[in-house]
PDB file of N, CA and C in Angstrom:
ATOM      1  N   MET A   1       0.838  -1.174   0.000  1.00  0.00           N
ATOM      2  CA  MET A   1       0.000   0.000   0.000  1.00  0.00           C
ATOM      3  C   MET A   1       0.884   1.237   0.000  1.00  0.00           C
ATOM      4  N   GLU A   2       0.580   2.190  -0.855  1.00  0.00           N
ATOM      5  CA  GLU A   2       1.346   3.412  -0.924  1.00  0.00           C
ATOM      6  C   GLU A   2       0.884   4.384   0.149  1.00  0.00           C
ATOM      7  N   ARG A   3       1.761   5.303   0.466  1.00  0.00           N
ATOM      8  CA  ARG A   3       1.444   6.276   1.512  1.00  0.00           C
ATOM      9  C   ARG A   3       0.218   7.110   1.148  1.00  0.00           C
ATOM     10  N   LYS A   4       0.071   7.470  -0.121  1.00  0.00           N
ATOM     11  CA  LYS A   4      -1.064   8.309  -0.519  1.00  0.00           C
ATOM     12  C   LYS A   4      -2.397   7.547  -0.436  1.00  0.00           C
ATOM     13  N   ASN A   5      -2.345   6.218  -0.390  1.00  0.00           N
ATOM     14  CA  ASN A   5      -3.562   5.428  -0.281  1.00  0.00           C
ATOM     15  C   ASN A   5      -3.963   5.131   1.164  1.00  0.00           C
ATOM     16  N   LEU A   6      -3.148   5.554   2.102  1.00  0.00           N
ATOM     17  CA  LEU A   6      -3.466   5.317   3.511  1.00  0.00           C
ATOM     18  C   LEU A   6      -4.586   6.247   3.954  1.00  0.00           C
ATOM     19  N   PRO A   7      -5.470   5.747   4.823  1.00  0.00           N
ATOM     20  CA  PRO A   7      -6.544   6.615   5.308  1.00  0.00           C
ATOM     21  C   PRO A   7      -6.015   7.678   6.269  1.00  0.00           C
ATOM     22  N   ASN A   8      -6.588   8.853   6.175  1.00  0.00           N
ATOM     23  CA  ASN A   8      -6.238   9.949   7.065  1.00  0.00           C
ATOM     24  C   ASN A   8      -7.021   9.771   8.364  1.00  0.00           C
ATOM     25  N   PRO A   9      -6.340   9.726   9.520  1.00  0.00           N
ATOM     26  CA  PRO A   9      -7.059   9.525  10.786  1.00  0.00           C
ATOM     27  C   PRO A   9      -8.123  10.581  11.070  1.00  0.00           C
ATOM     28  N   ARG A  10      -7.849  11.827  10.731  1.00  0.00           N
ATOM     29  CA  ARG A  10      -8.828  12.892  10.980  1.00  0.00           C
ATOM     30  C   ARG A  10     -10.070  12.738  10.105  1.00  0.00           C
ATOM     31  N   VAL A  11      -9.863  12.392   8.850  1.00  0.00           N
ATOM     32  CA  VAL A  11     -11.000  12.179   7.948  1.00  0.00           C
ATOM     33  C   VAL A  11     -11.815  10.986   8.423  1.00  0.00           C
ATOM     34  N   SER A  12     -11.125   9.949   8.835  1.00  0.00           N
ATOM     35  CA  SER A  12     -11.789   8.751   9.330  1.00  0.00           C
ATOM     36  C   SER A  12     -12.664   9.056  10.543  1.00  0.00           C
ATOM     37  N   ALA A  13     -12.120   9.809  11.491  1.00  0.00           N
ATOM     38  CA  ALA A  13     -12.889  10.180  12.688  1.00  0.00           C
ATOM     39  C   ALA A  13     -14.053  11.091  12.334  1.00  0.00           C
ATOM     40  N   LEU A  14     -13.836  12.011  11.415  1.00  0.00           N
ATOM     41  CA  LEU A  14     -14.900  12.921  11.004  1.00  0.00           C
ATOM     42  C   LEU A  14     -16.044  12.177  10.317  1.00  0.00           C
ATOM     43  N   LEU A  15     -15.716  11.215   9.478  1.00  0.00           N
ATOM     44  CA  LEU A  15     -16.755  10.418   8.833  1.00  0.00           C
ATOM     45  C   LEU A  15     -17.570   9.638   9.862  1.00  0.00           C
ATOM     46  N   SER A  16     -16.898   9.074  10.851  1.00  0.00           N
ATOM     47  CA  SER A  16     -17.617   8.339  11.898  1.00  0.00           C
ATOM     48  C   SER A  16     -18.417   9.274  12.792  1.00  0.00           C
ATOM     49  N   PHE A  17     -17.980  10.519  12.921  1.00  0.00           N
ATOM     50  CA  PHE A  17     -18.746  11.487  13.697  1.00  0.00           C
ATOM     51  C   PHE A  17     -20.082  11.780  13.012  1.00  0.00           C
ATOM     52  N   PHE A  18     -20.054  11.949  11.704  1.00  0.00           N
ATOM     53  CA  PHE A  18     -21.281  12.265  10.983  1.00  0.00           C
ATOM     54  C   PHE A  18     -22.203  11.067  10.812  1.00  0.00           C
ATOM     55  N   PHE A  19     -21.613   9.866  10.667  1.00  0.00           N
ATOM     56  CA  PHE A  19     -22.431   8.661  10.494  1.00  0.00           C
ATOM     57  C   PHE A  19     -21.612   7.476  10.992  1.00  0.00           C
ATOM     58  N   ASN A  20     -22.062   6.880  12.080  1.00  0.00           N
ATOM     59  CA  ASN A  20     -21.318   5.768  12.686  1.00  0.00           C
ATOM     60  C   ASN A  20     -21.030   4.677  11.664  1.00  0.00           C
ATOM     61  N   GLY A  21     -19.782   4.244  11.624  1.00  0.00           N
ATOM     62  CA  GLY A  21     -19.380   3.154  10.739  1.00  0.00           C
ATOM     63  C   GLY A  21     -18.722   3.608   9.448  1.00  0.00           C
ATOM     64  N   LEU A  22     -18.941   4.851   9.038  1.00  0.00           N
ATOM     65  CA  LEU A  22     -18.333   5.310   7.785  1.00  0.00           C
ATOM     66  C   LEU A  22     -16.815   5.406   7.879  1.00  0.00           C
ATOM     67  N   GLY A  23     -16.305   5.753   9.038  1.00  0.00           N
ATOM     68  CA  GLY A  23     -14.858   5.804   9.226  1.00  0.00           C
ATOM     69  C   GLY A  23     -14.228   4.431   9.084  1.00  0.00           C
ATOM     70  N   GLN A  24     -14.914   3.407   9.587  1.00  0.00           N
ATOM     71  CA  GLN A  24     -14.409   2.046   9.451  1.00  0.00           C
ATOM     72  C   GLN A  24     -14.431   1.612   7.982  1.00  0.00           C
ATOM     73  N   ILE A  25     -15.485   1.961   7.277  1.00  0.00           N
ATOM     74  CA  ILE A  25     -15.556   1.626   5.843  1.00  0.00           C
ATOM     75  C   ILE A  25     -14.448   2.354   5.087  1.00  0.00           C
ATOM     76  N   TYR A  26     -14.210   3.611   5.413  1.00  0.00           N
ATOM     77  CA  TYR A  26     -13.129   4.391   4.807  1.00  0.00           C
ATOM     78  C   TYR A  26     -11.771   3.740   5.069  1.00  0.00           C
ATOM     79  N   ASN A  27     -11.604   3.163   6.259  1.00  0.00           N
ATOM     80  CA  ASN A  27     -10.352   2.487   6.614  1.00  0.00           C
ATOM     81  C   ASN A  27     -10.220   1.121   5.957  1.00  0.00           C
ATOM     82  N   GLY A  28     -11.270   0.628   5.326  1.00  0.00           N
ATOM     83  CA  GLY A  28     -11.227  -0.685   4.690  1.00  0.00           C
ATOM     84  C   GLY A  28     -11.828  -1.791   5.530  1.00  0.00           C
ATOM     85  N   GLU A  29     -12.384  -1.462   6.688  1.00  0.00           N
ATOM     86  CA  GLU A  29     -13.017  -2.453   7.556  1.00  0.00           C
ATOM     87  C   GLU A  29     -14.526  -2.467   7.277  1.00  0.00           C
ATOM     88  N   ILE A  30     -14.877  -3.076   6.155  1.00  0.00           N
ATOM     89  CA  ILE A  30     -16.256  -3.031   5.665  1.00  0.00           C
ATOM     90  C   ILE A  30     -17.219  -3.728   6.630  1.00  0.00           C
ATOM     91  N   LYS A  31     -16.878  -4.927   7.071  1.00  0.00           N
ATOM     92  CA  LYS A  31     -17.780  -5.675   7.958  1.00  0.00           C
ATOM     93  C   LYS A  31     -18.006  -4.944   9.280  1.00  0.00           C
ATOM     94  N   LYS A  32     -16.935  -4.411   9.848  1.00  0.00           N
ATOM     95  CA  LYS A  32     -17.070  -3.678  11.110  1.00  0.00           C
ATOM     96  C   LYS A  32     -17.921  -2.427  10.908  1.00  0.00           C
ATOM     97  N   GLY A  33     -17.701  -1.733   9.810  1.00  0.00           N
ATOM     98  CA  GLY A  33     -18.479  -0.532   9.522  1.00  0.00           C
ATOM     99  C   GLY A  33     -19.961  -0.839   9.353  1.00  0.00           C
ATOM    100  N   LEU A  34     -20.271  -1.906   8.618  1.00  0.00           N
ATOM    101  CA  LEU A  34     -21.672  -2.287   8.437  1.00  0.00           C
ATOM    102  C   LEU A  34     -22.305  -2.741   9.743  1.00  0.00           C
ATOM    103  N   ALA A  35     -21.533  -3.419  10.581  1.00  0.00           N
ATOM    104  CA  ALA A  35     -22.050  -3.843  11.897  1.00  0.00           C
ATOM    105  C   ALA A  35     -22.369  -2.620  12.757  1.00  0.00           C
ATOM    106  N   LEU A  36     -21.506  -1.614  12.738  1.00  0.00           N
ATOM    107  CA  LEU A  36     -21.762  -0.406  13.521  1.00  0.00           C
ATOM    108  C   LEU A  36     -22.962   0.362  12.983  1.00  0.00           C
ATOM    109  N   ILE A  37     -23.116   0.399  11.674  1.00  0.00           N
ATOM    110  CA  ILE A  37     -24.292   1.042  11.081  1.00  0.00           C
ATOM    111  C   ILE A  37     -25.557   0.311  11.508  1.00  0.00           C
ATOM    112  N   PHE A  38     -25.527  -1.019  11.482  1.00  0.00           N
ATOM    113  CA  PHE A  38     -26.675  -1.817  11.897  1.00  0.00           C
ATOM    114  C   PHE A  38     -27.013  -1.577  13.371  1.00  0.00           C
ATOM    115  N   LEU A  39     -26.000  -1.611  14.241  1.00  0.00           N
ATOM    116  CA  LEU A  39     -26.227  -1.392  15.670  1.00  0.00           C
ATOM    117  C   LEU A  39     -26.744   0.017  15.947  1.00  0.00           C
ATOM    118  N   SER A  40     -26.245   0.992  15.209  1.00  0.00           N
ATOM    119  CA  SER A  40     -26.739   2.361  15.363  1.00  0.00           C
ATOM    120  C   SER A  40     -28.203   2.456  14.946  1.00  0.00           C
ATOM    121  N   GLY A  41     -28.547   1.759  13.887  1.00  0.00           N
ATOM    122  CA  GLY A  41     -29.939   1.744  13.442  1.00  0.00           C
ATOM    123  C   GLY A  41     -30.865   1.117  14.465  1.00  0.00           C
ATOM    124  N   ILE A  42     -30.438   0.011  15.049  1.00  0.00           N
ATOM    125  CA  ILE A  42     -31.233  -0.649  16.088  1.00  0.00           C
ATOM    126  C   ILE A  42     -31.401   0.289  17.290  1.00  0.00           C
ATOM    127  N   SER A  43     -30.332   0.934  17.696  1.00  0.00           N
ATOM    128  CA  SER A  43     -30.404   1.873  18.823  1.00  0.00           C
ATOM    129  C   SER A  43     -31.348   3.032  18.516  1.00  0.00           C
ATOM    130  N   MET A  44     -31.305   3.507  17.280  1.00  0.00           N
ATOM    131  CA  MET A  44     -32.190   4.603  16.889  1.00  0.00           C
ATOM    132  C   MET A  44     -33.652   4.159  16.902  1.00  0.00           C
ATOM    133  N   LEU A  45     -33.912   2.948  16.450  1.00  0.00           N
ATOM    134  CA  LEU A  45     -35.291   2.433  16.479  1.00  0.00           C
ATOM    135  C   LEU A  45     -35.798   2.290  17.913  1.00  0.00           C
ATOM    136  N   VAL A  46     -34.954   1.813  18.811  1.00  0.00           N
ATOM    137  CA  VAL A  46     -35.339   1.679  20.223  1.00  0.00           C
ATOM    138  C   VAL A  46     -35.623   3.063  20.811  1.00  0.00           C
ATOM    139  N   LEU A  47     -34.780   4.049  20.500  1.00  0.00           N
ATOM    140  CA  LEU A  47     -34.993   5.408  20.972  1.00  0.00           C
ATOM    141  C   LEU A  47     -36.313   5.968  20.453  1.00  0.00           C
ATOM    142  N   ILE A  48     -36.594   5.773  19.178  1.00  0.00           N
ATOM    143  CA  ILE A  48     -37.842   6.272  18.588  1.00  0.00           C
ATOM    144  C   ILE A  48     -39.050   5.582  19.200  1.00  0.00           C
ATOM    145  N   LEU A  49     -38.968   4.281  19.421  1.00  0.00           N
ATOM    146  CA  LEU A  49     -40.067   3.557  20.045  1.00  0.00           C
ATOM    147  C   LEU A  49     -40.335   4.094  21.458  1.00  0.00           C
ATOM    148  N   GLY A  50     -39.281   4.335  22.207  1.00  0.00           N
ATOM    149  CA  GLY A  50     -39.438   4.929  23.531  1.00  0.00           C
ATOM    150  C   GLY A  50     -40.067   6.308  23.459  1.00  0.00           C
ATOM    151  N   ALA A  51     -39.649   7.112  22.478  1.00  0.00           N
ATOM    152  CA  ALA A  51     -40.217   8.453  22.311  1.00  0.00           C
ATOM    153  C   ALA A  51     -41.704   8.379  21.953  1.00  0.00           C
ATOM    154  N   VAL A  52     -42.078   7.414  21.146  1.00  0.00           N
ATOM    155  CA  VAL A  52     -43.493   7.245  20.790  1.00  0.00           C
ATOM    156  C   VAL A  52     -44.313   6.873  22.021  1.00  0.00           C
ATOM    157  N   PHE A  53     -43.813   5.949  22.822  1.00  0.00           N
ATOM    158  CA  PHE A  53     -44.508   5.577  24.066  1.00  0.00           C
ATOM    159  C   PHE A  53     -44.680   6.801  24.964  1.00  0.00           C
ATOM    160  N   LEU A  54     -43.614   7.568  25.123  1.00  0.00           N
ATOM    161  CA  LEU A  54     -43.690   8.754  25.965  1.00  0.00           C
ATOM    162  C   LEU A  54     -44.664   9.784  25.394  1.00  0.00           C
ATOM    163  N   PHE A  55     -44.653   9.957  24.081  1.00  0.00           N
ATOM    164  CA  PHE A  55     -45.558  10.903  23.428  1.00  0.00           C
ATOM    165  C   PHE A  55     -47.015  10.524  23.683  1.00  0.00           C
ATOM    166  N   TYR A  56     -47.342   9.252  23.492  1.00  0.00           N
ATOM    167  CA  TYR A  56     -48.723   8.825  23.710  1.00  0.00           C
ATOM    168  C   TYR A  56     -49.133   8.947  25.174  1.00  0.00           C
ATOM    169  N   PHE A  57     -48.205   8.734  26.082  1.00  0.00           N
ATOM    170  CA  PHE A  57     -48.531   8.908  27.503  1.00  0.00           C
ATOM    171  C   PHE A  57     -48.784  10.383  27.820  1.00  0.00           C
ATOM    172  N   ILE A  58     -47.921  11.258  27.314  1.00  0.00           N
ATOM    173  CA  ILE A  58     -48.040  12.691  27.595  1.00  0.00           C
ATOM    174  C   ILE A  58     -49.303  13.271  26.965  1.00  0.00           C
ATOM    175  N   LYS A  59     -49.623  12.845  25.752  1.00  0.00           N
ATOM    176  CA  LYS A  59     -50.820  13.345  25.073  1.00  0.00           C
ATOM    177  C   LYS A  59     -52.104  12.822  25.710  1.00  0.00           C
ATOM    178  N   GLY A  60     -51.976  11.847  26.562  1.00  0.00           N
ATOM    179  CA  GLY A  60     -53.149  11.323  27.244  1.00  0.00           C
ATOM    180  C   GLY A  60     -53.932  10.314  26.440  1.00  0.00           C
ATOM    181  N   MET A  61     -53.368   9.836  25.335  1.00  0.00           N
ATOM    182  CA  MET A  61     -54.074   8.864  24.519  1.00  0.00           C
ATOM    183  C   MET A  61     -54.099   7.496  25.195  1.00  0.00           C
ATOM    184  N   PHE A  62     -53.057   7.193  25.923  1.00  0.00           N
ATOM    185  CA  PHE A  62     -52.996   5.963  26.698  1.00  0.00           C
ATOM    186  C   PHE A  62     -52.566   6.343  28.108  1.00  0.00           C
ATOM    187  N   PHE A  63     -53.348   5.966  29.074  1.00  0.00           N
ATOM    188  CA  PHE A  63     -53.085   6.385  30.439  1.00  0.00           C
ATOM    189  C   PHE A  63     -52.311   5.390  31.290  1.00  0.00           C
ATOM    190  N   PRO A  64     -52.160   4.163  30.864  1.00  0.00           N
ATOM    191  CA  PRO A  64     -51.441   3.254  31.764  1.00  0.00           C
ATOM    192  C   PRO A  64     -50.040   3.786  32.069  1.00  0.00           C
ATOM    193  N   LEU A  65     -49.671   3.655  33.307  1.00  0.00           N
ATOM    194  CA  LEU A  65     -48.347   4.094  33.742  1.00  0.00           C
ATOM    195  C   LEU A  65     -47.247   3.298  33.048  1.00  0.00           C
ATOM    196  N   SER A  66     -47.594   2.123  32.550  1.00  0.00           N
ATOM    197  CA  SER A  66     -46.600   1.291  31.874  1.00  0.00           C
ATOM    198  C   SER A  66     -46.052   1.972  30.623  1.00  0.00           C
ATOM    199  N   PHE A  67     -46.862   2.827  29.962  1.00  0.00           N
ATOM    200  CA  PHE A  67     -46.362   3.543  28.788  1.00  0.00           C
ATOM    201  C   PHE A  67     -45.259   4.528  29.193  1.00  0.00           C
ATOM    202  N   LEU A  68     -45.423   5.147  30.335  1.00  0.00           N
ATOM    203  CA  LEU A  68     -44.394   6.064  30.822  1.00  0.00           C
ATOM    204  C   LEU A  68     -43.128   5.296  31.190  1.00  0.00           C
ATOM    205  N   VAL A  69     -43.291   4.194  31.893  1.00  0.00           N
ATOM    206  CA  VAL A  69     -42.139   3.409  32.333  1.00  0.00           C
ATOM    207  C   VAL A  69     -41.395   2.824  31.136  1.00  0.00           C
ATOM    208  N   TRP A  70     -42.120   2.117  30.271  1.00  0.00           N
ATOM    209  CA  TRP A  70     -41.474   1.509  29.102  1.00  0.00           C
ATOM    210  C   TRP A  70     -40.910   2.559  28.153  1.00  0.00           C
ATOM    211  N   GLY A  71     -41.614   3.655  27.999  1.00  0.00           N
ATOM    212  CA  GLY A  71     -41.103   4.735  27.152  1.00  0.00           C
ATOM    213  C   GLY A  71     -39.795   5.282  27.676  1.00  0.00           C
ATOM    214  N   GLY A  72     -39.733   5.515  28.990  1.00  0.00           N
ATOM    215  CA  GLY A  72     -38.499   6.019  29.585  1.00  0.00           C
ATOM    216  C   GLY A  72     -37.352   5.037  29.471  1.00  0.00           C
ATOM    217  N   ILE A  73     -37.654   3.756  29.727  1.00  0.00           N
ATOM    218  CA  ILE A  73     -36.613   2.727  29.653  1.00  0.00           C
ATOM    219  C   ILE A  73     -36.085   2.588  28.225  1.00  0.00           C
ATOM    220  N   LEU A  74     -36.989   2.478  27.253  1.00  0.00           N
ATOM    221  CA  LEU A  74     -36.563   2.311  25.860  1.00  0.00           C
ATOM    222  C   LEU A  74     -35.814   3.539  25.353  1.00  0.00           C
ATOM    223  N   PHE A  75     -36.298   4.724  25.710  1.00  0.00           N
ATOM    224  CA  PHE A  75     -35.627   5.951  25.293  1.00  0.00           C
ATOM    225  C   PHE A  75     -34.206   6.003  25.866  1.00  0.00           C
ATOM    226  N   PHE A  76     -34.055   5.680  27.141  1.00  0.00           N
ATOM    227  CA  PHE A  76     -32.745   5.696  27.791  1.00  0.00           C
ATOM    228  C   PHE A  76     -31.803   4.664  27.179  1.00  0.00           C
ATOM    229  N   ILE A  77     -32.304   3.447  26.930  1.00  0.00           N
ATOM    230  CA  ILE A  77     -31.465   2.401  26.321  1.00  0.00           C
ATOM    231  C   ILE A  77     -31.029   2.814  24.924  1.00  0.00           C
ATOM    232  N   GLY A  78     -31.961   3.344  24.127  1.00  0.00           N
ATOM    233  CA  GLY A  78     -31.623   3.778  22.770  1.00  0.00           C
ATOM    234  C   GLY A  78     -30.605   4.904  22.762  1.00  0.00           C
ATOM    235  N   LEU A  79     -30.803   5.890  23.626  1.00  0.00           N
ATOM    236  CA  LEU A  79     -29.883   7.023  23.701  1.00  0.00           C
ATOM    237  C   LEU A  79     -28.501   6.580  24.169  1.00  0.00           C
ATOM    238  N   THR A  80     -28.473   5.721  25.175  1.00  0.00           N
ATOM    239  CA  THR A  80     -27.199   5.200  25.670  1.00  0.00           C
ATOM    240  C   THR A  80     -26.469   4.412  24.582  1.00  0.00           C
ATOM    241  N   GLY A  81     -27.214   3.593  23.850  1.00  0.00           N
ATOM    242  CA  GLY A  81     -26.614   2.821  22.761  1.00  0.00           C
ATOM    243  C   GLY A  81     -26.025   3.716  21.688  1.00  0.00           C
ATOM    244  N   ILE A  82     -26.757   4.749  21.315  1.00  0.00           N
ATOM    245  CA  ILE A  82     -26.271   5.668  20.281  1.00  0.00           C
ATOM    246  C   ILE A  82     -24.994   6.367  20.745  1.00  0.00           C
ATOM    247  N   ILE A  83     -24.962   6.807  21.989  1.00  0.00           N
ATOM    248  CA  ILE A  83     -23.786   7.508  22.511  1.00  0.00           C
ATOM    249  C   ILE A  83     -22.574   6.574  22.573  1.00  0.00           C
ATOM    250  N   ILE A  84     -22.775   5.373  23.107  1.00  0.00           N
ATOM    251  CA  ILE A  84     -21.658   4.433  23.234  1.00  0.00           C
ATOM    252  C   ILE A  84     -21.132   4.008  21.863  1.00  0.00           C
ATOM    253  N   ILE A  85     -22.033   3.684  20.953  1.00  0.00           N
ATOM    254  CA  ILE A  85     -21.617   3.278  19.612  1.00  0.00           C
ATOM    255  C   ILE A  85     -20.926   4.434  18.899  1.00  0.00           C
ATOM    256  N   GLY A  86     -21.426   5.654  19.088  1.00  0.00           N
ATOM    257  CA  GLY A  86     -20.813   6.822  18.459  1.00  0.00           C
ATOM    258  C   GLY A  86     -19.396   7.069  18.942  1.00  0.00           C
ATOM    259  N   ILE A  87     -19.216   7.031  20.254  1.00  0.00           N
ATOM    260  CA  ILE A  87     -17.872   7.252  20.812  1.00  0.00           C
ATOM    261  C   ILE A  87     -16.920   6.148  20.355  1.00  0.00           C
ATOM    262  N   TYR A  88     -17.395   4.907  20.390  1.00  0.00           N
ATOM    263  CA  TYR A  88     -16.551   3.795  19.943  1.00  0.00           C
ATOM    264  C   TYR A  88     -16.189   3.944  18.468  1.00  0.00           C
ATOM    265  N   SER A  89     -17.178   4.267  17.645  1.00  0.00           N
ATOM    266  CA  SER A  89     -16.957   4.367  16.203  1.00  0.00           C
ATOM    267  C   SER A  89     -15.924   5.440  15.872  1.00  0.00           C
ATOM    268  N   ILE A  90     -16.046   6.591  16.497  1.00  0.00           N
ATOM    269  CA  ILE A  90     -15.113   7.690  16.228  1.00  0.00           C
ATOM    270  C   ILE A  90     -13.697   7.331  16.672  1.00  0.00           C
ATOM    271  N   SER A  91     -13.564   6.856  17.903  1.00  0.00           N
ATOM    272  CA  SER A  91     -12.218   6.556  18.414  1.00  0.00           C
ATOM    273  C   SER A  91     -11.590   5.371  17.691  1.00  0.00           C
ATOM    274  N   ASP A  92     -12.378   4.342  17.394  1.00  0.00           N
ATOM    275  CA  ASP A  92     -11.839   3.183  16.688  1.00  0.00           C
ATOM    276  C   ASP A  92     -11.373   3.556  15.282  1.00  0.00           C
ATOM    277  N   ALA A  93     -12.161   4.359  14.580  1.00  0.00           N
ATOM    278  CA  ALA A  93     -11.778   4.759  13.221  1.00  0.00           C
ATOM    279  C   ALA A  93     -10.489   5.578  13.244  1.00  0.00           C
ATOM    280  N   TYR A  94     -10.398   6.496  14.183  1.00  0.00           N
ATOM    281  CA  TYR A  94      -9.202   7.341  14.269  1.00  0.00           C
ATOM    282  C   TYR A  94      -7.956   6.516  14.578  1.00  0.00           C
ATOM    283  N   TYR A  95      -8.036   5.700  15.622  1.00  0.00           N
ATOM    284  CA  TYR A  95      -6.845   4.958  16.051  1.00  0.00           C
ATOM    285  C   TYR A  95      -6.468   3.853  15.074  1.00  0.00           C
ATOM    286  N   LYS A  96      -7.426   3.268  14.372  1.00  0.00           N
ATOM    287  CA  LYS A  96      -7.100   2.258  13.363  1.00  0.00           C
ATOM    288  C   LYS A  96      -6.348   2.908  12.201  1.00  0.00           C
ATOM    289  N   ALA A  97      -6.824   4.062  11.727  1.00  0.00           N
ATOM    290  CA  ALA A  97      -6.128   4.766  10.643  1.00  0.00           C
ATOM    291  C   ALA A  97      -4.739   5.207  11.089  1.00  0.00           C
ATOM    292  N   LYS A  98      -4.624   5.650  12.328  1.00  0.00           N
ATOM    293  CA  LYS A  98      -3.319   6.071  12.855  1.00  0.00           C
ATOM    294  C   LYS A  98      -2.355   4.886  12.931  1.00  0.00           C
ATOM    295  N   ARG A  99      -2.854   3.721  13.387  1.00  0.00           N
ATOM    296  CA  ARG A  99      -2.007   2.512  13.449  1.00  0.00           C
ATOM    297  C   ARG A  99      -1.573   2.076  12.049  1.00  0.00           C
ATOM    298  N   MET A 100      -2.474   2.194  11.082  1.00  0.00           N
ATOM    299  CA  MET A 100      -2.119   1.816   9.710  1.00  0.00           C
ATOM    300  C   MET A 100      -0.993   2.713   9.193  1.00  0.00           C
ATOM    301  N   TYR A 101      -1.082   4.001   9.478  1.00  0.00           N
ATOM    302  CA  TYR A 101      -0.047   4.939   9.047  1.00  0.00           C
ATOM    303  C   TYR A 101       1.279   4.657   9.752  1.00  0.00           C
ATOM    304  N   GLU A 102       1.228   4.406  11.069  1.00  0.00           N
ATOM    305  CA  GLU A 102       2.455   4.116  11.820  1.00  0.00           C
ATOM    306  C   GLU A 102       3.090   2.812  11.365  1.00  0.00           C
ATOM    307  N   GLU A 103       2.272   1.813  11.057  1.00  0.00           N
ATOM    308  CA  GLU A 103       2.810   0.541  10.566  1.00  0.00           C
ATOM    309  C   GLU A 103       3.481   0.717   9.213  1.00  0.00           C
ATOM    310  N   TYR A 104       2.873   1.527   8.350  1.00  0.00           N
ATOM    311  CA  TYR A 104       3.485   1.813   7.051  1.00  0.00           C
ATOM    312  C   TYR A 104       4.836   2.502   7.248  1.00  0.00           C
ATOM    313  N   GLU A 105       4.883   3.489   8.133  1.00  0.00           N
ATOM    314  CA  GLU A 105       6.135   4.216   8.387  1.00  0.00           C
ATOM    315  C   GLU A 105       7.207   3.293   8.965  1.00  0.00           C
ATOM    316  N   ARG A 106       6.816   2.370   9.829  1.00  0.00           N
ATOM    317  CA  ARG A 106       7.770   1.462  10.449  1.00  0.00           C
ATOM    318  C   ARG A 106       8.387   0.509   9.416  1.00  0.00           C
ATOM    319  N   HIS A 107       7.594   0.068   8.459  1.00  0.00           N
ATOM    320  CA  HIS A 107       8.094  -0.904   7.475  1.00  0.00           C
ATOM    321  C   HIS A 107       8.790  -0.257   6.289  1.00  0.00           C
ATOM    322  N   ASN A 108       8.611   1.034   6.105  1.00  0.00           N
ATOM    323  CA  ASN A 108       9.161   1.693   4.912  1.00  0.00           C
ATOM    324  C   ASN A 108      10.160   2.792   5.226  1.00  0.00           C
ATOM    325  N   ILE A 109      10.845   2.668   6.329  1.00  0.00           N
ATOM    326  CA  ILE A 109      11.880   3.677   6.647  1.00  0.00           C
ATOM    327  C   ILE A 109      13.224   3.193   6.190  1.00  0.00           C
TER     328      ILE A 109
END
């Protein structure tokens, strides 16, 4: 691999910041990137489902307290998942690209 074909760590981290998993795909880790995109999607769906439960409880369309409880739990789990996956995706993309560059420099000096 030539030096000009190596991924830039900053670009990799920026891509993962905007959309989880894109930095991994940019680095050449297609399976990992797709897995992170899938997990982010699942987390987003859980967050949206929790928000819908909370919305219906607040609007008074459904009065059972279970809508408030389940809505809060699902919203919290979804939000936590998105944050954890986001932080992991950004840091992993950056450090993987940095390691690739350092390995290239070590072998080609």
